[in-house]
PDB file of N, CA and C in Angstrom:
ATOM      1  N   UNK A   1     -17.930  71.708  51.796  1.00  0.00           N
ATOM      2  CA  UNK A   1     -16.515  71.482  51.563  1.00  0.00           C
ATOM      3  C   UNK A   1     -16.201  71.272  50.090  1.00  0.00           C
ATOM      4  N   UNK A   2     -17.190  70.976  49.284  1.00  0.00           N
ATOM      5  CA  UNK A   2     -16.943  70.678  47.878  1.00  0.00           C
ATOM      6  C   UNK A   2     -16.275  71.846  47.160  1.00  0.00           C
ATOM      7  N   UNK A   3     -16.689  73.062  47.461  1.00  0.00           N
ATOM      8  CA  UNK A   3     -16.082  74.219  46.806  1.00  0.00           C
ATOM      9  C   UNK A   3     -14.626  74.354  47.231  1.00  0.00           C
ATOM     10  N   UNK A   4     -14.350  74.179  48.509  1.00  0.00           N
ATOM     11  CA  UNK A   4     -12.976  74.252  48.998  1.00  0.00           C
ATOM     12  C   UNK A   4     -12.115  73.180  48.344  1.00  0.00           C
ATOM     13  N   UNK A   5     -12.642  71.979  48.226  1.00  0.00           N
ATOM     14  CA  UNK A   5     -11.904  70.899  47.567  1.00  0.00           C
ATOM     15  C   UNK A   5     -11.628  71.234  46.110  1.00  0.00           C
ATOM     16  N   UNK A   6     -12.627  71.799  45.429  1.00  0.00           N
ATOM     17  CA  UNK A   6     -12.442  72.183  44.025  1.00  0.00           C
ATOM     18  C   UNK A   6     -11.364  73.251  43.886  1.00  0.00           C
ATOM     19  N   UNK A   7     -11.363  74.219  44.780  1.00  0.00           N
ATOM     20  CA  UNK A   7     -10.352  75.280  44.730  1.00  0.00           C
ATOM     21  C   UNK A   7      -8.961  74.699  44.953  1.00  0.00           C
ATOM     22  N   UNK A   8      -8.837  73.795  45.916  1.00  0.00           N
ATOM     23  CA  UNK A   8      -7.539  73.156  46.174  1.00  0.00           C
ATOM     24  C   UNK A   8      -7.053  72.392  44.949  1.00  0.00           C
ATOM     25  N   UNK A   9      -7.974  71.683  44.286  1.00  0.00           N
ATOM     26  CA  UNK A   9      -7.597  70.938  43.080  1.00  0.00           C
ATOM     27  C   UNK A   9      -7.165  71.879  41.964  1.00  0.00           C
ATOM     28  N   UNK A  10      -7.873  72.995  41.810  1.00  0.00           N
ATOM     29  CA  UNK A  10      -7.517  73.949  40.762  1.00  0.00           C
ATOM     30  C   UNK A  10      -6.175  74.616  41.027  1.00  0.00           C
ATOM     31  N   UNK A  11      -5.883  74.892  42.286  1.00  0.00           N
ATOM     32  CA  UNK A  11      -4.647  75.592  42.625  1.00  0.00           C
ATOM     33  C   UNK A  11      -3.432  74.680  42.702  1.00  0.00           C
ATOM     34  N   UNK A  12      -3.622  73.439  43.146  1.00  0.00           N
ATOM     35  CA  UNK A  12      -2.449  72.597  43.351  1.00  0.00           C
ATOM     36  C   UNK A  12      -2.589  71.168  42.896  1.00  0.00           C
ATOM     37  N   UNK A  13      -3.669  70.858  42.233  1.00  0.00           N
ATOM     38  CA  UNK A  13      -3.894  69.478  41.814  1.00  0.00           C
ATOM     39  C   UNK A  13      -3.187  69.138  40.513  1.00  0.00           C
ATOM     40  N   UNK A  14      -3.289  67.888  40.154  1.00  0.00           N
ATOM     41  CA  UNK A  14      -2.720  67.428  38.886  1.00  0.00           C
ATOM     42  C   UNK A  14      -3.571  67.952  37.731  1.00  0.00           C
ATOM     43  N   UNK A  15      -3.088  67.775  36.524  1.00  0.00           N
ATOM     44  CA  UNK A  15      -3.858  68.181  35.340  1.00  0.00           C
ATOM     45  C   UNK A  15      -5.203  67.476  35.301  1.00  0.00           C
ATOM     46  N   UNK A  16      -5.213  66.192  35.655  1.00  0.00           N
ATOM     47  CA  UNK A  16      -6.473  65.439  35.671  1.00  0.00           C
ATOM     48  C   UNK A  16      -7.445  66.008  36.701  1.00  0.00           C
ATOM     49  N   UNK A  17      -6.933  66.365  37.881  1.00  0.00           N
ATOM     50  CA  UNK A  17      -7.781  66.972  38.916  1.00  0.00           C
ATOM     51  C   UNK A  17      -8.378  68.283  38.419  1.00  0.00           C
ATOM     52  N   UNK A  18      -7.534  69.098  37.802  1.00  0.00           N
ATOM     53  CA  UNK A  18      -7.994  70.387  37.290  1.00  0.00           C
ATOM     54  C   UNK A  18      -9.056  70.207  36.214  1.00  0.00           C
ATOM     55  N   UNK A  19      -8.796  69.299  35.287  1.00  0.00           N
ATOM     56  CA  UNK A  19      -9.767  69.049  34.215  1.00  0.00           C
ATOM     57  C   UNK A  19     -11.098  68.550  34.767  1.00  0.00           C
ATOM     58  N   UNK A  20     -11.035  67.704  35.773  1.00  0.00           N
ATOM     59  CA  UNK A  20     -12.255  67.174  36.393  1.00  0.00           C
ATOM     60  C   UNK A  20     -13.113  68.304  36.971  1.00  0.00           C
ATOM     61  N   UNK A  21     -12.475  69.212  37.701  1.00  0.00           N
ATOM     62  CA  UNK A  21     -13.200  70.329  38.306  1.00  0.00           C
ATOM     63  C   UNK A  21     -13.734  71.263  37.223  1.00  0.00           C
ATOM     64  N   UNK A  22     -12.905  71.572  36.248  1.00  0.00           N
ATOM     65  CA  UNK A  22     -13.315  72.487  35.180  1.00  0.00           C
ATOM     66  C   UNK A  22     -14.492  71.910  34.401  1.00  0.00           C
ATOM     67  N   UNK A  23     -14.432  70.630  34.064  1.00  0.00           N
ATOM     68  CA  UNK A  23     -15.539  70.014  33.323  1.00  0.00           C
ATOM     69  C   UNK A  23     -16.825  70.030  34.151  1.00  0.00           C
ATOM     70  N   UNK A  24     -16.715  69.684  35.428  1.00  0.00           N
ATOM     71  CA  UNK A  24     -17.894  69.667  36.303  1.00  0.00           C
ATOM     72  C   UNK A  24     -18.524  71.051  36.383  1.00  0.00           C
ATOM     73  N   UNK A  25     -17.711  72.062  36.616  1.00  0.00           N
ATOM     74  CA  UNK A  25     -18.214  73.434  36.746  1.00  0.00           C
ATOM     75  C   UNK A  25     -18.753  73.961  35.414  1.00  0.00           C
ATOM     76  N   UNK A  26     -18.138  73.561  34.305  1.00  0.00           N
ATOM     77  CA  UNK A  26     -18.622  73.971  32.984  1.00  0.00           C
ATOM     78  C   UNK A  26     -19.995  73.374  32.711  1.00  0.00           C
ATOM     79  N   UNK A  27     -20.171  72.103  33.029  1.00  0.00           N
ATOM     80  CA  UNK A  27     -21.483  71.456  32.859  1.00  0.00           C
ATOM     81  C   UNK A  27     -22.547  72.135  33.722  1.00  0.00           C
ATOM     82  N   UNK A  28     -22.201  72.433  34.980  1.00  0.00           N
ATOM     83  CA  UNK A  28     -23.153  73.101  35.878  1.00  0.00           C
ATOM     84  C   UNK A  28     -23.574  74.454  35.317  1.00  0.00           C
ATOM     85  N   UNK A  29     -22.615  75.196  34.810  1.00  0.00           N
ATOM     86  CA  UNK A  29     -22.910  76.535  34.274  1.00  0.00           C
ATOM     87  C   UNK A  29     -23.765  76.443  33.016  1.00  0.00           C
ATOM     88  N   UNK A  30     -23.455  75.505  32.137  1.00  0.00           N
ATOM     89  CA  UNK A  30     -24.241  75.354  30.913  1.00  0.00           C
ATOM     90  C   UNK A  30     -25.674  74.959  31.243  1.00  0.00           C
ATOM     91  N   UNK A  31     -25.854  74.067  32.191  1.00  0.00           N
ATOM     92  CA  UNK A  31     -27.210  73.680  32.596  1.00  0.00           C
ATOM     93  C   UNK A  31     -27.974  74.882  33.151  1.00  0.00           C
ATOM     94  N   UNK A  32     -27.289  75.738  33.875  1.00  0.00           N
ATOM     95  CA  UNK A  32     -27.917  76.952  34.394  1.00  0.00           C
ATOM     96  C   UNK A  32     -28.325  77.884  33.253  1.00  0.00           C
ATOM     97  N   UNK A  33     -27.464  78.022  32.266  1.00  0.00           N
ATOM     98  CA  UNK A  33     -27.761  78.866  31.106  1.00  0.00           C
ATOM     99  C   UNK A  33     -28.941  78.312  30.320  1.00  0.00           C
ATOM    100  N   UNK A  34     -29.013  76.991  30.192  1.00  0.00           N
ATOM    101  CA  UNK A  34     -30.109  76.369  29.448  1.00  0.00           C
ATOM    102  C   UNK A  34     -31.445  76.619  30.131  1.00  0.00           C
ATOM    103  N   UNK A  35     -31.413  76.801  31.430  1.00  0.00           N
ATOM    104  CA  UNK A  35     -32.584  77.230  32.169  1.00  0.00           C
ATOM    105  C   UNK A  35     -33.762  76.285  32.169  1.00  0.00           C
ATOM    106  N   UNK A  36     -33.519  75.022  32.214  1.00  0.00           N
ATOM    107  CA  UNK A  36     -34.629  74.071  32.300  1.00  0.00           C
ATOM    108  C   UNK A  36     -34.342  73.092  33.431  1.00  0.00           C
ATOM    109  N   UNK A  37     -35.147  72.065  33.512  1.00  0.00           N
ATOM    110  CA  UNK A  37     -34.959  71.084  34.581  1.00  0.00           C
ATOM    111  C   UNK A  37     -34.090  69.909  34.131  1.00  0.00           C
ATOM    112  N   UNK A  38     -33.205  70.158  33.186  1.00  0.00           N
ATOM    113  CA  UNK A  38     -32.307  69.109  32.700  1.00  0.00           C
ATOM    114  C   UNK A  38     -31.347  68.679  33.802  1.00  0.00           C
ATOM    115  N   UNK A  39     -31.026  67.401  33.810  1.00  0.00           N
ATOM    116  CA  UNK A  39     -30.058  66.865  34.772  1.00  0.00           C
ATOM    117  C   UNK A  39     -28.688  66.675  34.129  1.00  0.00           C
ATOM    118  N   UNK A  40     -28.667  66.570  32.795  1.00  0.00           N
ATOM    119  CA  UNK A  40     -27.425  66.367  32.044  1.00  0.00           C
ATOM    120  C   UNK A  40     -27.398  67.314  30.855  1.00  0.00           C
ATOM    121  N   UNK A  41     -26.197  67.623  30.401  1.00  0.00           N
ATOM    122  CA  UNK A  41     -26.049  68.420  29.189  1.00  0.00           C
ATOM    123  C   UNK A  41     -26.474  67.551  28.004  1.00  0.00           C
ATOM    124  N   UNK A  42     -27.348  68.063  27.147  1.00  0.00           N
ATOM    125  CA  UNK A  42     -27.779  67.283  25.979  1.00  0.00           C
ATOM    126  C   UNK A  42     -26.591  66.941  25.082  1.00  0.00           C
ATOM    127  N   UNK A  43     -26.636  65.775  24.475  1.00  0.00           N
ATOM    128  CA  UNK A  43     -25.518  65.321  23.638  1.00  0.00           C
ATOM    129  C   UNK A  43     -25.225  66.302  22.509  1.00  0.00           C
ATOM    130  N   UNK A  44     -26.255  66.999  22.019  1.00  0.00           N
ATOM    131  CA  UNK A  44     -26.052  67.970  20.932  1.00  0.00           C
ATOM    132  C   UNK A  44     -25.190  69.149  21.374  1.00  0.00           C
ATOM    133  N   UNK A  45     -25.069  69.367  22.663  1.00  0.00           N
ATOM    134  CA  UNK A  45     -24.314  70.516  23.172  1.00  0.00           C
ATOM    135  C   UNK A  45     -23.023  70.115  23.888  1.00  0.00           C
ATOM    136  N   UNK A  46     -22.656  68.855  23.811  1.00  0.00           N
ATOM    137  CA  UNK A  46     -21.424  68.378  24.462  1.00  0.00           C
ATOM    138  C   UNK A  46     -20.184  69.102  23.941  1.00  0.00           C
ATOM    139  N   UNK A  47     -20.203  69.487  22.665  1.00  0.00           N
ATOM    140  CA  UNK A  47     -19.039  70.170  22.101  1.00  0.00           C
ATOM    141  C   UNK A  47     -18.773  71.491  22.824  1.00  0.00           C
ATOM    142  N   UNK A  48     -19.811  72.119  23.340  1.00  0.00           N
ATOM    143  CA  UNK A  48     -19.634  73.365  24.087  1.00  0.00           C
ATOM    144  C   UNK A  48     -18.880  73.086  25.388  1.00  0.00           C
ATOM    145  N   UNK A  49     -19.224  71.998  26.056  1.00  0.00           N
ATOM    146  CA  UNK A  49     -18.521  71.614  27.291  1.00  0.00           C
ATOM    147  C   UNK A  49     -17.043  71.392  26.987  1.00  0.00           C
ATOM    148  N   UNK A  50     -16.753  70.693  25.895  1.00  0.00           N
ATOM    149  CA  UNK A  50     -15.363  70.430  25.513  1.00  0.00           C
ATOM    150  C   UNK A  50     -14.615  71.730  25.243  1.00  0.00           C
ATOM    151  N   UNK A  51     -15.180  72.583  24.385  1.00  0.00           N
ATOM    152  CA  UNK A  51     -14.511  73.832  24.011  1.00  0.00           C
ATOM    153  C   UNK A  51     -14.290  74.753  25.210  1.00  0.00           C
ATOM    154  N   UNK A  52     -15.325  74.947  26.012  1.00  0.00           N
ATOM    155  CA  UNK A  52     -15.220  75.859  27.156  1.00  0.00           C
ATOM    156  C   UNK A  52     -14.269  75.293  28.210  1.00  0.00           C
ATOM    157  N   UNK A  53     -14.312  73.989  28.434  1.00  0.00           N
ATOM    158  CA  UNK A  53     -13.392  73.367  29.398  1.00  0.00           C
ATOM    159  C   UNK A  53     -11.945  73.564  28.963  1.00  0.00           C
ATOM    160  N   UNK A  54     -11.683  73.396  27.675  1.00  0.00           N
ATOM    161  CA  UNK A  54     -10.326  73.585  27.157  1.00  0.00           C
ATOM    162  C   UNK A  54      -9.874  75.033  27.331  1.00  0.00           C
ATOM    163  N   UNK A  55     -10.759  75.972  27.028  1.00  0.00           N
ATOM    164  CA  UNK A  55     -10.418  77.390  27.205  1.00  0.00           C
ATOM    165  C   UNK A  55     -10.116  77.695  28.669  1.00  0.00           C
ATOM    166  N   UNK A  56     -10.948  77.176  29.554  1.00  0.00           N
ATOM    167  CA  UNK A  56     -10.748  77.437  30.981  1.00  0.00           C
ATOM    168  C   UNK A  56      -9.464  76.786  31.491  1.00  0.00           C
ATOM    169  N   UNK A  57      -9.160  75.601  31.010  1.00  0.00           N
ATOM    170  CA  UNK A  57      -7.930  74.922  31.423  1.00  0.00           C
ATOM    171  C   UNK A  57      -6.712  75.725  30.974  1.00  0.00           C
ATOM    172  N   UNK A  58      -6.739  76.191  29.733  1.00  0.00           N
ATOM    173  CA  UNK A  58      -5.612  76.955  29.197  1.00  0.00           C
ATOM    174  C   UNK A  58      -5.453  78.316  29.866  1.00  0.00           C
ATOM    175  N   UNK A  59      -6.490  78.788  30.530  1.00  0.00           N
ATOM    176  CA  UNK A  59      -6.462  80.095  31.165  1.00  0.00           C
ATOM    177  C   UNK A  59      -6.170  80.016  32.662  1.00  0.00           C
ATOM    178  N   UNK A  60      -5.887  78.841  33.177  1.00  0.00           N
ATOM    179  CA  UNK A  60      -5.578  78.716  34.607  1.00  0.00           C
ATOM    180  C   UNK A  60      -4.419  79.657  34.943  1.00  0.00           C
ATOM    181  N   UNK A  61      -4.606  80.419  35.999  1.00  0.00           N
ATOM    182  CA  UNK A  61      -3.602  81.387  36.416  1.00  0.00           C
ATOM    183  C   UNK A  61      -3.870  82.776  35.865  1.00  0.00           C
ATOM    184  N   UNK A  62      -4.800  82.870  34.911  1.00  0.00           N
ATOM    185  CA  UNK A  62      -5.136  84.166  34.325  1.00  0.00           C
ATOM    186  C   UNK A  62      -6.624  84.466  34.487  1.00  0.00           C
ATOM    187  N   UNK A  63      -7.271  83.796  35.442  1.00  0.00           N
ATOM    188  CA  UNK A  63      -8.688  84.011  35.685  1.00  0.00           C
ATOM    189  C   UNK A  63      -8.924  85.463  36.077  1.00  0.00           C
ATOM    190  N   UNK A  64     -10.005  86.012  35.603  1.00  0.00           N
ATOM    191  CA  UNK A  64     -10.350  87.384  35.938  1.00  0.00           C
ATOM    192  C   UNK A  64      -9.737  88.419  35.018  1.00  0.00           C
ATOM    193  N   UNK A  65      -8.750  88.028  34.232  1.00  0.00           N
ATOM    194  CA  UNK A  65      -8.134  88.978  33.306  1.00  0.00           C
ATOM    195  C   UNK A  65      -9.041  89.191  32.100  1.00  0.00           C
ATOM    196  N   UNK A  66      -9.046  90.424  31.613  1.00  0.00           N
ATOM    197  CA  UNK A  66      -9.789  90.715  30.395  1.00  0.00           C
ATOM    198  C   UNK A  66      -8.876  90.688  29.185  1.00  0.00           C
ATOM    199  N   UNK A  67      -7.598  91.000  29.395  1.00  0.00           N
ATOM    200  CA  UNK A  67      -6.635  90.928  28.300  1.00  0.00           C
ATOM    201  C   UNK A  67      -5.244  90.678  28.875  1.00  0.00           C
ATOM    202  N   UNK A  68      -4.357  90.232  27.984  1.00  0.00           N
ATOM    203  CA  UNK A  68      -3.001  89.884  28.399  1.00  0.00           C
ATOM    204  C   UNK A  68      -2.071  90.190  27.233  1.00  0.00           C
ATOM    205  N   UNK A  69      -0.959  90.858  27.486  1.00  0.00           N
ATOM    206  CA  UNK A  69       0.017  91.171  26.444  1.00  0.00           C
ATOM    207  C   UNK A  69       1.418  90.906  26.968  1.00  0.00           C
ATOM    208  N   UNK A  70       2.246  90.316  26.087  1.00  0.00           N
ATOM    209  CA  UNK A  70       3.641  90.090  26.440  1.00  0.00           C
ATOM    210  C   UNK A  70       4.433  89.902  25.161  1.00  0.00           C
ATOM    211  N   UNK A  71       5.445  90.717  24.960  1.00  0.00           N
ATOM    212  CA  UNK A  71       6.362  90.618  23.832  1.00  0.00           C
ATOM    213  C   UNK A  71       5.644  90.401  22.501  1.00  0.00           C
ATOM    214  N   UNK A  72       4.707  91.255  22.193  1.00  0.00           N
ATOM    215  CA  UNK A  72       4.013  91.180  20.911  1.00  0.00           C
ATOM    216  C   UNK A  72       2.845  90.216  20.871  1.00  0.00           C
ATOM    217  N   UNK A  73       2.699  89.385  21.880  1.00  0.00           N
ATOM    218  CA  UNK A  73       1.565  88.461  21.959  1.00  0.00           C
ATOM    219  C   UNK A  73       0.474  89.126  22.777  1.00  0.00           C
ATOM    220  N   UNK A  74      -0.717  89.165  22.216  1.00  0.00           N
ATOM    221  CA  UNK A  74      -1.834  89.795  22.904  1.00  0.00           C
ATOM    222  C   UNK A  74      -3.035  88.868  22.878  1.00  0.00           C
ATOM    223  N   UNK A  75      -3.678  88.698  24.030  1.00  0.00           N
ATOM    224  CA  UNK A  75      -4.877  87.869  24.122  1.00  0.00           C
ATOM    225  C   UNK A  75      -5.967  88.678  24.807  1.00  0.00           C
ATOM    226  N   UNK A  76      -7.188  88.518  24.311  1.00  0.00           N
ATOM    227  CA  UNK A  76      -8.347  89.153  24.926  1.00  0.00           C
ATOM    228  C   UNK A  76      -9.339  88.067  25.283  1.00  0.00           C
ATOM    229  N   UNK A  77      -9.871  88.129  26.496  1.00  0.00           N
ATOM    230  CA  UNK A  77     -10.800  87.108  26.969  1.00  0.00           C
ATOM    231  C   UNK A  77     -12.216  87.660  26.990  1.00  0.00           C
ATOM    232  N   UNK A  78     -13.168  86.817  26.643  1.00  0.00           N
ATOM    233  CA  UNK A  78     -14.581  87.196  26.669  1.00  0.00           C
ATOM    234  C   UNK A  78     -15.044  87.398  28.100  1.00  0.00           C
ATOM    235  N   UNK A  79     -16.100  88.168  28.239  1.00  0.00           N
ATOM    236  CA  UNK A  79     -16.722  88.358  29.556  1.00  0.00           C
ATOM    237  C   UNK A  79     -17.220  87.016  30.087  1.00  0.00           C
ATOM    238  N   UNK A  80     -17.826  86.228  29.193  1.00  0.00           N
ATOM    239  CA  UNK A  80     -18.315  84.896  29.547  1.00  0.00           C
ATOM    240  C   UNK A  80     -17.759  83.897  28.542  1.00  0.00           C
ATOM    241  N   UNK A  81     -17.346  82.755  29.021  1.00  0.00           N
ATOM    242  CA  UNK A  81     -16.822  81.723  28.128  1.00  0.00           C
ATOM    243  C   UNK A  81     -17.891  81.179  27.191  1.00  0.00           C
ATOM    244  N   UNK A  82     -19.146  81.427  27.498  1.00  0.00           N
ATOM    245  CA  UNK A  82     -20.247  80.892  26.701  1.00  0.00           C
ATOM    246  C   UNK A  82     -20.775  81.892  25.673  1.00  0.00           C
ATOM    247  N   UNK A  83     -20.244  83.120  25.650  1.00  0.00           N
ATOM    248  CA  UNK A  83     -20.756  84.156  24.745  1.00  0.00           C
ATOM    249  C   UNK A  83     -20.777  83.715  23.288  1.00  0.00           C
ATOM    250  N   UNK A  84     -19.706  83.110  22.828  1.00  0.00           N
ATOM    251  CA  UNK A  84     -19.643  82.754  21.412  1.00  0.00           C
ATOM    252  C   UNK A  84     -20.592  81.612  21.035  1.00  0.00           C
ATOM    253  N   UNK A  85     -21.172  80.966  22.027  1.00  0.00           N
ATOM    254  CA  UNK A  85     -22.111  79.867  21.771  1.00  0.00           C
ATOM    255  C   UNK A  85     -23.563  80.286  21.987  1.00  0.00           C
ATOM    256  N   UNK A  86     -23.792  81.566  22.210  1.00  0.00           N
ATOM    257  CA  UNK A  86     -25.144  82.053  22.511  1.00  0.00           C
ATOM    258  C   UNK A  86     -26.135  81.694  21.409  1.00  0.00           C
ATOM    259  N   UNK A  87     -25.722  81.837  20.145  1.00  0.00           N
ATOM    260  CA  UNK A  87     -26.636  81.515  19.039  1.00  0.00           C
ATOM    261  C   UNK A  87     -26.987  80.036  19.011  1.00  0.00           C
ATOM    262  N   UNK A  88     -25.987  79.178  19.216  1.00  0.00           N
ATOM    263  CA  UNK A  88     -26.243  77.739  19.213  1.00  0.00           C
ATOM    264  C   UNK A  88     -27.150  77.335  20.374  1.00  0.00           C
ATOM    265  N   UNK A  89     -26.904  77.916  21.535  1.00  0.00           N
ATOM    266  CA  UNK A  89     -27.726  77.604  22.708  1.00  0.00           C
ATOM    267  C   UNK A  89     -29.161  78.058  22.466  1.00  0.00           C
ATOM    268  N   UNK A  90     -29.306  79.261  21.926  1.00  0.00           N
ATOM    269  CA  UNK A  90     -30.651  79.778  21.649  1.00  0.00           C
ATOM    270  C   UNK A  90     -31.366  78.917  20.604  1.00  0.00           C
ATOM    271  N   UNK A  91     -30.646  78.500  19.567  1.00  0.00           N
ATOM    272  CA  UNK A  91     -31.249  77.629  18.545  1.00  0.00           C
ATOM    273  C   UNK A  91     -31.694  76.306  19.151  1.00  0.00           C
ATOM    274  N   UNK A  92     -30.868  75.741  20.019  1.00  0.00           N
ATOM    275  CA  UNK A  92     -31.235  74.476  20.663  1.00  0.00           C
ATOM    276  C   UNK A  92     -32.487  74.669  21.512  1.00  0.00           C
ATOM    277  N   UNK A  93     -32.524  75.762  22.273  1.00  0.00           N
ATOM    278  CA  UNK A  93     -33.688  76.033  23.122  1.00  0.00           C
ATOM    279  C   UNK A  93     -34.956  76.188  22.280  1.00  0.00           C
ATOM    280  N   UNK A  94     -34.846  76.900  21.161  1.00  0.00           N
ATOM    281  CA  UNK A  94     -36.010  77.084  20.287  1.00  0.00           C
ATOM    282  C   UNK A  94     -36.462  75.767  19.680  1.00  0.00           C
ATOM    283  N   UNK A  95     -35.504  74.911  19.318  1.00  0.00           N
ATOM    284  CA  UNK A  95     -35.882  73.615  18.736  1.00  0.00           C
ATOM    285  C   UNK A  95     -36.607  72.754  19.766  1.00  0.00           C
ATOM    286  N   UNK A  96     -36.192  72.844  21.021  1.00  0.00           N
ATOM    287  CA  UNK A  96     -36.870  72.079  22.072  1.00  0.00           C
ATOM    288  C   UNK A  96     -38.261  72.643  22.349  1.00  0.00           C
ATOM    289  N   UNK A  97     -38.390  73.963  22.276  1.00  0.00           N
ATOM    290  CA  UNK A  97     -39.709  74.575  22.432  1.00  0.00           C
ATOM    291  C   UNK A  97     -40.630  74.141  21.299  1.00  0.00           C
ATOM    292  N   UNK A  98     -40.081  74.099  20.071  1.00  0.00           N
ATOM    293  CA  UNK A  98     -40.878  73.684  18.916  1.00  0.00           C
ATOM    294  C   UNK A  98     -41.304  72.229  19.055  1.00  0.00           C
ATOM    295  N   UNK A  99     -40.409  71.383  19.550  1.00  0.00           N
ATOM    296  CA  UNK A  99     -40.769  69.978  19.785  1.00  0.00           C
ATOM    297  C   UNK A  99     -41.893  69.886  20.806  1.00  0.00           C
ATOM    298  N   UNK A 100     -41.815  70.704  21.819  1.00  0.00           N
ATOM    299  CA  UNK A 100     -42.859  70.723  22.842  1.00  0.00           C
ATOM    300  C   UNK A 100     -44.190  71.159  22.267  1.00  0.00           C
ATOM    301  N   UNK A 101     -44.150  72.122  21.344  1.00  0.00           N
ATOM    302  CA  UNK A 101     -45.385  72.589  20.715  1.00  0.00           C
ATOM    303  C   UNK A 101     -46.024  71.501  19.876  1.00  0.00           C
ATOM    304  N   UNK A 102     -45.213  70.659  19.246  1.00  0.00           N
ATOM    305  CA  UNK A 102     -45.745  69.589  18.402  1.00  0.00           C
ATOM    306  C   UNK A 102     -46.480  68.542  19.234  1.00  0.00           C
ATOM    307  N   UNK A 103     -46.068  68.396  20.463  1.00  0.00           N
ATOM    308  CA  UNK A 103     -46.679  67.385  21.319  1.00  0.00           C
ATOM    309  C   UNK A 103     -48.040  67.838  21.850  1.00  0.00           C
ATOM    310  N   UNK A 104     -48.282  69.116  21.760  1.00  0.00           N
ATOM    311  CA  UNK A 104     -49.558  69.640  22.245  1.00  0.00           C
ATOM    312  C   UNK A 104     -50.529  69.653  21.072  1.00  0.00           C
ATOM    313  N   UNK A 105     -51.561  68.872  21.165  1.00  0.00           N
ATOM    314  CA  UNK A 105     -52.541  68.809  20.083  1.00  0.00           C
ATOM    315  C   UNK A 105     -53.739  69.682  20.377  1.00  0.00           C
ATOM    316  N   UNK A 106     -54.425  70.046  19.317  1.00  0.00           N
ATOM    317  CA  UNK A 106     -55.653  70.822  19.461  1.00  0.00           C
ATOM    318  C   UNK A 106     -56.778  70.057  18.791  1.00  0.00           C
ATOM    319  N   UNK A 107     -57.896  70.134  19.377  1.00  0.00           N
ATOM    320  CA  UNK A 107     -59.058  69.509  18.752  1.00  0.00           C
ATOM    321  C   UNK A 107     -60.295  70.322  19.100  1.00  0.00           C
ATOM    322  N   UNK A 108     -61.277  70.150  18.275  1.00  0.00           N
ATOM    323  CA  UNK A 108     -62.533  70.867  18.493  1.00  0.00           C
ATOM    324  C   UNK A 108     -63.659  69.861  18.600  1.00  0.00           C
ATOM    325  N   UNK A 109     -64.582  70.153  19.452  1.00  0.00           N
ATOM    326  CA  UNK A 109     -65.764  69.309  19.597  1.00  0.00           C
ATOM    327  C   UNK A 109     -66.935  70.079  18.990  1.00  0.00           C
ATOM    328  N   UNK A 110     -67.607  69.452  18.037  1.00  0.00           N
ATOM    329  CA  UNK A 110     -68.760  70.099  17.393  1.00  0.00           C
ATOM    330  C   UNK A 110     -70.039  69.508  17.877  1.00  0.00           C
TER     331      UNK A 110
END
C-alpha cells in the first residue's frame, strides 16, 4: 500500500506531503545509484537530494515530459534527474574505493 499512498499524496496531498514523498523517493534512488550496502545517503551527497527533490517538486504535473514550451518559455528536462551529478557521484565512489584500499595492508614474510 505504500506506493498507492505515495501516489495519493503526490496527486492530492499538501505541499509538505508531496515534499515528503519526493525526498523519500529521491533518497531511495540515489542509494540505488550509489550501488552499495549504504542505509543512508552520505552527508557529502545530501546536496544532491536537495537539488533533485526541488527539481522534482517543481515539475509536478509535468512528469514524463522531455520538453515544454509556452509563449516563448521553453524548458527541457533531463532523461534522469541525477545525470548532472554523475561526475560527483563517480568521484565520491572512487574516493570510497580508495579509502577501502588504504585499509587493506600488505606484508611479506621472509
